[in-house]
Amino acid sequence: MQDDLHGVILHDIQYSPWTRYIFMLPRGYFKTSMISIGYILWRIICNPNIRIALATANEEMGLAMISQQKAIIESEEFNAIFPEINPKGKPTRPDSRWGATSYTVHRDMISIGEPTLKLMTVGGATESQHFNLIVGNDLVNRINHKTETQRNEVKDFAHNFINLLDSRHSQIMIEGTTWHVDDLYSELLQNTNYRKFKLPLYYLDGSCTFPIKYTPEYIEQVKIDCGDPKVFAANYLLNPVCAERAFMSGEKFKRYKEVGLQDGTLGRDTEDGVFSAPLIGTVVACDTATQEGSNMDAVAVMQRDALGNWFVRYGKIENHDTVQRIKELENVDKWFDPINIGVEVAAQSELASTVGDAQLRGYSRIDSKLYELKTYRKSKEYRIRAIQPLLRDGNIYWHEGIHDELIEQVRLYPEYSRDDFPDAVAYTIQMCRELFIAPRPYSGKAYMGKKNPYRRWMR
């Protein structure tokens, strides 16, 4: 386990006040080991008289967890530290109370009717017993999220937890991984009674939240194993999408890398070949958005070559104040020397003012390149849909250095939780068209019958 991940979660669970808690983590993040095994045993150690219900999607899952818990309680190591917990050899342990679906540890209060832990499953009967803690483990899974009837059955099962609590101080903890836009987890994440912890595979800057296990190579294997990008988005990015609305989810996103050519120039190596046609223009767009009290900037760099191809050379999302935004745009200007740097109207006036002050201090370079991004009274979705024809035509390529999380924002728009980067890319396309950054076709008598002058740049 990773201290700055699992340690943070357990610290929050232990020390923060809550009666309802939902936390969502990607698959493979040891949720079951941490909560349905470790946390439950810790609660039993702290209070052997506690009554816990373990709720699972099916009995097979629950039996496996209970078996692990009992094996730990009966182990030599556990008994050496907590000998008072194991009921084995004590008169308070009838065999009937150490079963496959429930068990009872050694208690001070033998009059308690409910066992220490009892298994409940979706679709099973919930008896009129009462518990101090109910833990829901992966209630939504690959099987029961597919139809509305199945999803409603899981919701009804969880809604009934309130009737099984012993008092107003009793607790409900739900842990799992998202599967569908309308599953139980999506509903509970909107419930204001629940304390929430949600951490996808990537942070906003593109770094992995569990790098000890999920190396870049392993993440690529996971994507292949998932098969469908929508499954990866739901299970690992915690962003379930509606296939009907994510209109670019079926498109192919082609990657490229820059390679040195024999003449000393840079070419662009793609799956369609190596393009050596010169670049005819570079533009930058910065989409600014305020989310959860912070200013998020999405920066995209678009380049076009003489063959008419589109190359998304750079992409980044980061939390910036105005000065940091200027520094980022200055860096992009230094790296790619764009024709213009597009910013939205509200940000432009703020930038212009700050840039003016910065020029007096001698370090701003971008004032002459600022370009106002126009909306033309069109919606964001209208702008972003301009990306899809380029994907279908197969002449837009994405640099290998652009993080997968940003690509997923485009692929799964508008169902992805963020849309900053798709909007920035859409703005760069709009800028290229407004600034007439496009190949100049040969026409007229002087070129009649001649070969395409751009053929030599395609290898």
Protein backbone atom coordinates (compact mmCIF):
# COMPACT_ATOMS: atom_id res chain seq x y z
CA MET A 1 0.00 0.00 0.00
CA GLN A 2 1.01 3.63 -0.46
CA ASP A 3 1.13 5.87 2.60
CA ASP A 4 0.18 9.10 0.81
CA LEU A 5 -2.84 7.33 -0.71
CA HIS A 6 -4.16 4.61 1.58
CA GLY A 7 -2.80 6.31 4.70
CA VAL A 8 -4.64 9.52 3.82
CA ILE A 9 -7.90 7.65 3.26
CA LEU A 10 -7.71 5.71 6.51
CA HIS A 11 -6.73 8.82 8.47
CA ASP A 12 -9.77 10.63 7.11
CA ILE A 13 -12.07 7.71 7.90
CA GLN A 14 -10.71 7.41 11.43
CA TYR A 15 -10.59 11.06 12.47
CA SER A 16 -13.23 12.91 10.48
CA PRO A 17 -16.82 13.01 11.80
CA TRP A 18 -19.23 11.03 9.62
CA THR A 19 -22.25 8.79 9.70
CA ARG A 20 -22.41 8.30 5.92
CA TYR A 21 -19.28 7.85 3.84
CA ILE A 22 -18.75 6.92 0.20
CA PHE A 23 -15.33 6.62 -1.32
CA MET A 24 -14.58 5.71 -4.89
CA LEU A 25 -11.27 4.32 -6.11
CA PRO A 26 -10.22 2.60 -9.36
CA ARG A 27 -10.07 -1.16 -9.57
CA GLY A 28 -6.96 -2.68 -8.05
CA TYR A 29 -6.49 0.04 -5.41
CA PHE A 30 -6.93 -2.47 -2.52
CA LYS A 31 -10.33 -1.13 -1.48
CA THR A 32 -11.51 -4.52 -0.21
CA SER A 33 -8.30 -5.24 1.70
CA MET A 34 -8.30 -1.79 3.24
CA ILE A 35 -11.99 -1.49 4.22
CA SER A 36 -13.89 -4.77 4.02
CA ILE A 37 -11.03 -6.66 5.69
CA GLY A 38 -8.72 -4.30 7.56
CA TYR A 39 -11.09 -1.54 8.65
CA ILE A 40 -13.80 -3.98 9.79
CA LEU A 41 -11.29 -5.93 11.90
CA TRP A 42 -10.01 -2.68 13.41
CA ARG A 43 -13.55 -1.72 14.43
CA ILE A 44 -14.05 -5.16 16.00
CA ILE A 45 -10.79 -4.83 17.94
CA CYS A 46 -11.84 -1.39 19.21
CA ASN A 47 -15.28 -2.63 20.24
CA PRO A 48 -15.91 -6.40 20.33
CA ASN A 49 -19.59 -5.70 21.05
CA ILE A 50 -20.08 -3.98 17.70
CA ARG A 51 -22.61 -5.30 15.19
CA ILE A 52 -21.54 -5.00 11.55
CA ALA A 53 -23.33 -5.89 8.32
CA LEU A 54 -21.17 -6.57 5.26
CA ALA A 55 -23.22 -5.95 2.11
CA THR A 56 -22.00 -7.32 -1.22
CA ALA A 57 -23.33 -7.79 -4.74
CA ASN A 58 -23.32 -11.58 -4.44
CA GLU A 59 -22.74 -14.24 -1.83
CA GLU A 60 -19.51 -15.57 -3.36
CA MET A 61 -17.75 -12.24 -2.82
CA GLY A 62 -19.00 -11.95 0.74
CA LEU A 63 -18.03 -15.48 1.72
CA ALA A 64 -14.48 -14.91 0.50
CA MET A 65 -14.15 -11.74 2.62
CA ILE A 66 -15.59 -13.36 5.73
CA SER A 67 -13.24 -16.31 5.29
CA GLN A 68 -10.28 -13.93 5.19
CA GLN A 69 -11.46 -12.08 8.30
CA LYS A 70 -11.90 -15.30 10.26
CA ALA A 71 -8.51 -16.60 9.12
CA ILE A 72 -6.86 -13.46 10.47
CA ILE A 73 -8.73 -13.66 13.77
CA GLU A 74 -7.63 -17.29 14.19
CA SER A 75 -4.02 -16.67 13.18
CA GLU A 76 -1.17 -16.96 15.70
CA GLU A 77 -0.02 -13.41 15.05
CA PHE A 78 -3.45 -11.93 15.74
CA ASN A 79 -3.97 -14.02 18.89
CA ALA A 80 -0.58 -13.03 20.22
CA ILE A 81 -1.67 -9.36 20.17
CA PHE A 82 -5.43 -9.59 20.67
CA PRO A 83 -6.10 -12.87 22.50
CA GLU A 84 -9.37 -11.53 23.93
CA ILE A 85 -11.02 -11.30 20.48
CA ASN A 86 -10.87 -14.90 19.28
CA PRO A 87 -13.78 -16.84 20.80
CA LYS A 88 -12.14 -20.19 20.18
CA GLY A 89 -11.93 -22.21 23.41
CA LYS A 90 -14.24 -19.81 25.21
CA PRO A 91 -17.73 -20.83 26.39
CA THR A 92 -19.33 -17.95 24.45
CA ARG A 93 -18.59 -19.55 21.10
CA PRO A 94 -21.22 -22.03 19.99
CA ASP A 95 -20.31 -23.53 16.61
CA SER A 96 -23.47 -22.06 15.16
CA ARG A 97 -22.07 -18.53 15.73
CA TRP A 98 -18.87 -19.10 13.75
CA GLY A 99 -20.42 -19.82 10.39
CA ALA A 100 -19.76 -19.05 6.73
CA THR A 101 -22.09 -16.06 6.47
CA SER A 102 -21.72 -14.66 9.99
CA TYR A 103 -19.53 -14.92 13.07
CA THR A 104 -19.37 -13.64 16.62
CA VAL A 105 -16.17 -12.82 18.51
CA HIS A 106 -15.75 -13.01 22.27
CA ARG A 107 -17.93 -10.33 23.83
CA ASP A 108 -18.52 -8.78 27.21
CA MET A 109 -22.25 -8.48 26.42
CA ILE A 110 -23.38 -11.99 25.54
CA SER A 111 -27.02 -10.88 25.44
CA ILE A 112 -26.59 -9.16 22.05
CA GLY A 113 -28.73 -11.01 19.53
CA GLU A 114 -26.98 -10.03 16.32
CA PRO A 115 -23.59 -11.54 15.39
CA THR A 116 -20.43 -9.46 15.26
CA LEU A 117 -20.56 -9.57 11.48
CA LYS A 118 -23.31 -10.71 9.15
CA LEU A 119 -23.34 -10.99 5.36
CA MET A 120 -26.10 -9.39 3.28
CA THR A 121 -26.35 -9.65 -0.51
CA VAL A 122 -28.25 -7.79 -3.21
CA GLY A 123 -31.50 -9.62 -3.84
CA GLY A 124 -31.31 -11.51 -0.55
CA ALA A 125 -33.70 -11.13 2.34
CA THR A 126 -32.76 -8.47 4.90
CA GLU A 127 -33.90 -9.69 8.27
CA SER A 128 -35.12 -7.34 10.98
CA GLN A 129 -31.75 -7.00 12.67
CA HIS A 130 -29.96 -3.82 13.60
CA PHE A 131 -26.33 -2.83 13.17
CA ASN A 132 -23.89 -0.16 14.31
CA LEU A 133 -22.04 -0.19 10.98
CA ILE A 134 -23.00 -1.27 7.48
CA VAL A 135 -20.20 -1.65 4.93
CA GLY A 136 -21.19 -1.89 1.27
CA ASN A 137 -18.47 -3.52 -0.82
CA ASP A 138 -18.64 -3.25 -4.63
CA LEU A 139 -22.44 -3.34 -4.65
CA VAL A 140 -22.37 -2.36 -8.33
CA ASN A 141 -20.45 -4.70 -10.61
CA ARG A 142 -19.98 -5.82 -14.20
CA ILE A 143 -23.19 -7.87 -14.15
CA ASN A 144 -25.78 -5.84 -12.25
CA HIS A 145 -25.24 -2.40 -13.86
CA LYS A 146 -26.41 -3.27 -17.37
CA THR A 147 -30.16 -2.74 -17.18
CA GLU A 148 -32.29 -0.16 -15.42
CA THR A 149 -34.08 -2.92 -13.50
CA GLN A 150 -30.80 -4.26 -12.15
CA ARG A 151 -29.56 -0.80 -11.19
CA ASN A 152 -32.81 -0.03 -9.38
CA GLU A 153 -32.59 -3.31 -7.48
CA VAL A 154 -29.16 -2.33 -6.16
CA LYS A 155 -30.44 1.14 -5.23
CA ASP A 156 -33.44 -0.29 -3.36
CA PHE A 157 -31.13 -2.66 -1.50
CA ALA A 158 -28.92 0.24 -0.36
CA HIS A 159 -31.87 2.49 0.45
CA ASN A 160 -33.05 -0.15 2.94
CA PHE A 161 -29.84 0.23 4.99
CA ILE A 162 -31.45 3.08 6.92
CA ASN A 163 -33.99 0.62 8.35
CA LEU A 164 -31.23 -1.66 9.64
CA LEU A 165 -29.31 0.94 11.64
CA ASP A 166 -29.35 0.69 15.42
CA SER A 167 -29.42 4.44 16.15
CA ARG A 168 -28.86 7.87 14.64
CA HIS A 169 -25.15 7.45 15.41
CA SER A 170 -24.87 4.24 13.39
CA GLN A 171 -22.80 4.45 10.23
CA ILE A 172 -22.99 3.47 6.58
CA MET A 173 -19.83 3.16 4.49
CA ILE A 174 -19.99 2.48 0.75
CA GLU A 175 -16.88 1.70 -1.27
CA GLY A 176 -16.64 0.74 -4.90
CA THR A 177 -15.82 1.59 -8.50
CA THR A 178 -18.15 3.32 -10.93
CA TRP A 179 -19.81 1.43 -13.78
CA HIS A 180 -22.71 3.47 -15.12
CA VAL A 181 -23.87 7.08 -15.20
CA ASP A 182 -27.07 6.06 -13.39
CA ASP A 183 -25.79 3.52 -10.89
CA LEU A 184 -26.00 3.64 -7.09
CA TYR A 185 -22.63 5.39 -6.75
CA SER A 186 -23.60 8.24 -9.05
CA GLU A 187 -26.70 8.76 -6.92
CA LEU A 188 -24.85 8.70 -3.60
CA LEU A 189 -22.18 11.10 -4.84
CA GLN A 190 -24.99 13.64 -5.17
CA ASN A 191 -26.34 12.89 -1.70
CA THR A 192 -25.41 15.71 0.67
CA ASN A 193 -25.59 13.40 3.71
CA TYR A 194 -22.52 11.49 2.53
CA ARG A 195 -18.92 12.42 3.12
CA LYS A 196 -17.16 11.79 -0.18
CA PHE A 197 -13.72 10.66 -1.27
CA LYS A 198 -13.22 10.17 -4.99
CA LEU A 199 -9.79 9.64 -6.54
CA PRO A 200 -9.33 8.55 -10.17
CA LEU A 201 -6.23 6.96 -11.69
CA TYR A 202 -4.81 10.35 -12.70
CA TYR A 203 -4.41 13.67 -10.95
CA LEU A 204 -5.29 16.78 -12.97
CA ASP A 205 -1.64 17.22 -13.97
CA GLY A 206 -1.68 13.74 -15.51
CA SER A 207 0.41 12.01 -12.83
CA CYS A 208 -0.77 8.66 -11.50
CA THR A 209 -2.37 8.51 -8.06
CA PHE A 210 -0.97 5.02 -7.35
CA PRO A 211 2.40 4.99 -9.19
CA ILE A 212 3.86 2.16 -7.10
CA LYS A 213 1.48 -0.26 -8.82
CA TYR A 214 0.26 1.53 -11.93
CA THR A 215 3.36 2.22 -13.97
CA PRO A 216 2.89 3.71 -17.49
CA GLU A 217 3.55 0.28 -19.01
CA TYR A 218 1.01 -1.40 -16.76
CA ILE A 219 -1.60 1.27 -17.50
CA GLU A 220 -1.23 0.53 -21.22
CA GLN A 221 -1.81 -3.17 -20.51
CA VAL A 222 -4.90 -2.32 -18.47
CA LYS A 223 -6.32 -0.27 -21.34
CA ILE A 224 -5.87 -3.18 -23.72
CA ASP A 225 -7.45 -5.58 -21.22
CA CYS A 226 -10.45 -3.26 -20.77
CA GLY A 227 -11.08 -3.37 -24.51
CA ASP A 228 -13.71 -0.65 -24.54
CA PRO A 229 -12.44 2.88 -23.67
CA LYS A 230 -15.73 3.48 -21.87
CA VAL A 231 -14.94 0.65 -19.44
CA PHE A 232 -11.53 2.17 -18.70
CA ALA A 233 -13.17 5.57 -18.19
CA ALA A 234 -15.67 4.13 -15.70
CA ASN A 235 -13.43 1.72 -13.77
CA TYR A 236 -10.19 3.70 -13.67
CA LEU A 237 -11.02 7.35 -14.38
CA LEU A 238 -14.25 7.05 -12.32
CA ASN A 239 -16.03 8.78 -15.13
CA PRO A 240 -18.79 6.54 -16.53
CA VAL A 241 -20.11 7.76 -19.84
CA CYS A 242 -23.29 7.36 -21.81
CA ALA A 243 -22.28 5.78 -25.11
CA GLU A 244 -25.05 7.56 -26.97
CA ARG A 245 -23.85 11.00 -25.84
CA ALA A 246 -20.08 10.50 -26.11
CA PHE A 247 -20.17 11.02 -29.86
CA MET A 248 -16.37 10.77 -30.34
CA SER A 249 -15.89 7.60 -28.27
CA GLY A 250 -15.72 5.41 -31.37
CA GLU A 251 -13.20 7.55 -33.25
CA LYS A 252 -9.53 6.66 -33.60
CA PHE A 253 -6.99 8.96 -31.99
CA LYS A 254 -3.68 8.74 -33.86
CA ARG A 255 -0.46 9.52 -32.04
CA TYR A 256 2.76 10.90 -33.54
CA LYS A 257 6.30 11.73 -32.52
CA GLU A 258 8.85 14.11 -33.94
CA VAL A 259 11.86 12.59 -35.71
CA GLY A 260 14.99 14.09 -37.23
CA LEU A 261 15.23 13.94 -41.03
CA GLN A 262 18.34 13.71 -43.18
CA ASP A 263 18.12 17.35 -44.22
CA GLY A 264 18.31 18.41 -40.56
CA THR A 265 14.62 19.29 -40.22
CA LEU A 266 11.98 17.68 -38.02
CA GLY A 267 9.43 15.28 -39.42
CA ARG A 268 6.35 13.83 -37.82
CA ASP A 269 6.28 10.04 -37.57
CA THR A 270 2.72 8.68 -37.64
CA GLU A 271 1.07 5.35 -38.31
CA ASP A 272 0.28 6.73 -41.78
CA GLY A 273 3.93 7.43 -42.53
CA VAL A 274 6.51 10.13 -41.88
CA PHE A 275 5.40 13.62 -42.82
CA SER A 276 8.19 16.02 -43.79
CA ALA A 277 6.00 18.81 -45.18
CA PRO A 278 6.91 22.14 -43.58
CA LEU A 279 4.70 23.62 -40.91
CA ILE A 280 2.69 26.57 -42.15
CA GLY A 281 1.40 27.83 -38.83
CA THR A 282 1.19 27.28 -35.07
CA VAL A 283 -1.46 28.65 -32.72
CA VAL A 284 -2.08 28.40 -28.98
CA ALA A 285 -5.41 28.51 -27.15
CA CYS A 286 -5.88 28.87 -23.41
CA ASP A 287 -9.28 27.87 -22.02
CA THR A 288 -9.86 29.20 -18.52
CA ALA A 289 -12.43 27.79 -16.13
CA THR A 290 -13.25 28.08 -12.46
CA GLN A 291 -14.02 24.80 -10.72
CA GLU A 292 -14.26 24.14 -7.00
CA GLY A 293 -12.87 27.58 -6.24
CA SER A 294 -9.72 27.33 -8.35
CA ASN A 295 -8.79 28.64 -11.80
CA MET A 296 -7.99 25.79 -14.17
CA ASP A 297 -6.19 26.55 -17.43
CA ALA A 298 -6.23 24.17 -20.36
CA VAL A 299 -3.56 25.00 -22.94
CA ALA A 300 -3.47 23.44 -26.42
CA VAL A 301 -0.95 24.00 -29.22
CA MET A 302 -2.06 23.22 -32.78
CA GLN A 303 0.24 23.03 -35.80
CA ARG A 304 -0.68 22.64 -39.47
CA ASP A 305 1.55 21.42 -42.25
CA ALA A 306 1.54 22.12 -45.98
CA LEU A 307 -0.41 18.92 -46.62
CA GLY A 308 -3.32 20.17 -44.52
CA ASN A 309 -2.74 17.85 -41.57
CA TRP A 310 -3.48 18.94 -38.03
CA PHE A 311 -1.00 18.21 -35.23
CA VAL A 312 -1.93 18.75 -31.58
CA ARG A 313 1.61 19.34 -30.39
CA TYR A 314 1.08 20.17 -26.72
CA GLY A 315 -1.60 19.92 -24.08
CA LYS A 316 -1.70 20.74 -20.39
CA ILE A 317 -4.18 21.44 -17.59
CA GLU A 318 -3.03 23.21 -14.47
CA ASN A 319 -4.22 25.47 -11.69
CA HIS A 320 -2.97 29.00 -12.45
CA ASP A 321 -3.35 32.50 -11.13
CA THR A 322 -2.86 35.33 -13.63
CA VAL A 323 0.92 35.60 -13.17
CA GLN A 324 1.37 31.83 -13.47
CA ARG A 325 -0.82 31.87 -16.58
CA ILE A 326 1.46 34.46 -18.16
CA LYS A 327 4.56 32.42 -17.36
CA GLU A 328 2.98 29.29 -18.87
CA LEU A 329 2.02 31.14 -22.06
CA GLU A 330 5.47 32.71 -22.25
CA ASN A 331 7.03 29.24 -22.06
CA VAL A 332 4.71 27.96 -24.79
CA ASP A 333 5.59 31.01 -26.89
CA LYS A 334 9.30 30.33 -26.42
CA TRP A 335 8.97 26.63 -27.27
CA PHE A 336 6.69 26.80 -30.30
CA ASP A 337 6.76 30.45 -31.52
CA PRO A 338 3.03 30.56 -32.37
CA ILE A 339 1.42 33.13 -34.65
CA ASN A 340 -1.14 34.01 -31.99
CA ILE A 341 -2.08 33.03 -28.45
CA GLY A 342 -5.83 32.84 -28.01
CA VAL A 343 -7.51 33.66 -24.71
CA GLU A 344 -11.15 34.23 -23.84
CA VAL A 345 -12.48 37.77 -23.48
CA ALA A 346 -12.65 37.81 -19.68
CA ALA A 347 -9.14 36.46 -19.33
CA GLN A 348 -7.74 38.69 -22.08
CA SER A 349 -8.39 41.97 -20.28
CA GLU A 350 -6.89 40.58 -17.08
CA LEU A 351 -3.90 39.25 -18.97
CA ALA A 352 -3.40 42.45 -20.93
CA SER A 353 -3.35 44.49 -17.74
CA THR A 354 -0.94 42.15 -15.99
CA VAL A 355 1.20 41.73 -19.10
CA GLY A 356 1.45 45.50 -19.37
CA ASP A 357 2.83 45.66 -15.83
CA ALA A 358 5.10 42.73 -16.59
CA GLN A 359 6.55 44.44 -19.64
CA LEU A 360 7.64 47.33 -17.46
CA ARG A 361 9.53 44.78 -15.40
CA GLY A 362 11.04 43.40 -18.58
CA TYR A 363 9.91 39.80 -18.74
CA SER A 364 6.69 39.55 -20.77
CA ARG A 365 6.84 38.49 -24.44
CA ILE A 366 3.25 37.71 -25.34
CA ASP A 367 1.37 41.03 -25.45
CA SER A 368 1.62 41.42 -29.23
CA LYS A 369 0.39 37.85 -29.78
CA LEU A 370 -2.74 37.86 -27.61
CA TYR A 371 -5.80 36.98 -29.66
CA GLU A 372 -9.40 37.21 -28.53
CA LEU A 373 -11.24 33.90 -28.74
CA LYS A 374 -14.70 34.49 -30.12
CA THR A 375 -17.75 32.39 -29.32
CA TYR A 376 -19.98 33.73 -32.14
CA ARG A 377 -22.86 33.00 -29.77
CA LYS A 378 -22.28 29.30 -30.37
CA SER A 379 -22.34 26.75 -27.57
CA LYS A 380 -19.25 24.96 -26.34
CA GLU A 381 -20.55 21.68 -27.77
CA TYR A 382 -20.94 23.32 -31.18
CA ARG A 383 -17.24 24.31 -31.09
CA ILE A 384 -16.00 20.95 -29.86
CA ARG A 385 -17.94 19.04 -32.50
CA ALA A 386 -15.50 20.56 -35.02
CA ILE A 387 -12.94 17.99 -33.82
CA GLN A 388 -14.99 14.99 -34.93
CA PRO A 389 -14.76 15.52 -38.73
CA LEU A 390 -10.97 15.72 -38.44
CA LEU A 391 -10.91 12.44 -36.52
CA ARG A 392 -13.12 10.78 -39.13
CA ASP A 393 -10.98 12.09 -41.98
CA GLY A 394 -7.91 10.76 -40.18
CA ASN A 395 -5.81 13.90 -40.59
CA ILE A 396 -5.48 15.03 -36.98
CA TYR A 397 -2.64 13.61 -34.89
CA TRP A 398 -1.88 13.91 -31.19
CA HIS A 399 1.67 14.19 -29.91
CA GLU A 400 2.88 11.25 -27.83
CA GLY A 401 3.70 13.60 -24.96
CA ILE A 402 0.06 14.60 -24.43
CA HIS A 403 -1.23 12.71 -21.44
CA ASP A 404 -3.88 10.03 -21.91
CA GLU A 405 -6.19 11.77 -19.45
CA LEU A 406 -6.43 14.74 -21.83
CA ILE A 407 -7.11 12.47 -24.78
CA GLU A 408 -9.92 10.82 -22.78
CA GLN A 409 -11.46 14.24 -22.16
CA VAL A 410 -11.82 14.61 -25.92
CA ARG A 411 -12.82 11.02 -26.65
CA LEU A 412 -15.55 10.94 -24.01
CA TYR A 413 -16.90 14.47 -24.37
CA PRO A 414 -19.48 15.55 -23.20
CA GLU A 415 -19.72 12.71 -20.67
CA TYR A 416 -16.29 13.22 -19.14
CA SER A 417 -16.20 15.14 -15.87
CA ARG A 418 -14.05 17.90 -17.40
CA ASP A 419 -14.12 19.48 -20.86
CA ASP A 420 -11.37 22.11 -20.61
CA PHE A 421 -8.92 20.46 -23.00
CA PRO A 422 -11.47 19.62 -25.75
CA ASP A 423 -12.54 23.26 -25.68
CA ALA A 424 -8.95 24.46 -25.95
CA VAL A 425 -8.34 22.16 -28.95
CA ALA A 426 -11.58 23.34 -30.56
CA TYR A 427 -10.46 26.93 -30.13
CA THR A 428 -7.17 26.20 -31.92
CA ILE A 429 -9.11 24.77 -34.87
CA GLN A 430 -11.27 27.88 -34.90
CA MET A 431 -8.18 30.11 -34.79
CA CYS A 432 -6.55 28.33 -37.72
CA ARG A 433 -9.65 28.94 -39.80
CA GLU A 434 -10.02 32.56 -38.73
CA LEU A 435 -6.36 33.27 -39.45
CA PHE A 436 -6.48 31.35 -42.77
CA ILE A 437 -3.77 28.91 -41.70
CA ALA A 438 -4.31 26.37 -44.45
CA PRO A 439 -2.41 25.02 -47.47
CA ARG A 440 -2.53 27.19 -50.58
CA PRO A 441 -3.63 24.88 -53.40
CA TYR A 442 -1.97 25.22 -56.78
CA SER A 443 -4.42 26.46 -59.40
CA GLY A 444 -4.45 28.30 -62.75
CA LYS A 445 -2.77 27.71 -66.08
CA ALA A 446 0.75 27.85 -64.68
CA TYR A 447 0.22 24.62 -62.77
CA MET A 448 -2.08 22.74 -65.13
CA GLY A 449 -0.97 19.15 -65.51
CA LYS A 450 1.79 19.35 -62.92
CA LYS A 451 2.21 16.83 -60.11
CA ASN A 452 1.05 17.65 -56.64
CA PRO A 453 3.92 19.82 -55.36
CA TYR A 454 3.40 18.42 -51.85
CA ARG A 455 3.94 14.76 -52.77
CA ARG A 456 7.64 14.95 -52.01
CA TRP A 457 6.89 15.62 -48.34
CA MET A 458 5.10 12.31 -47.86
CA ARG A 459 7.38 9.34 -47.26
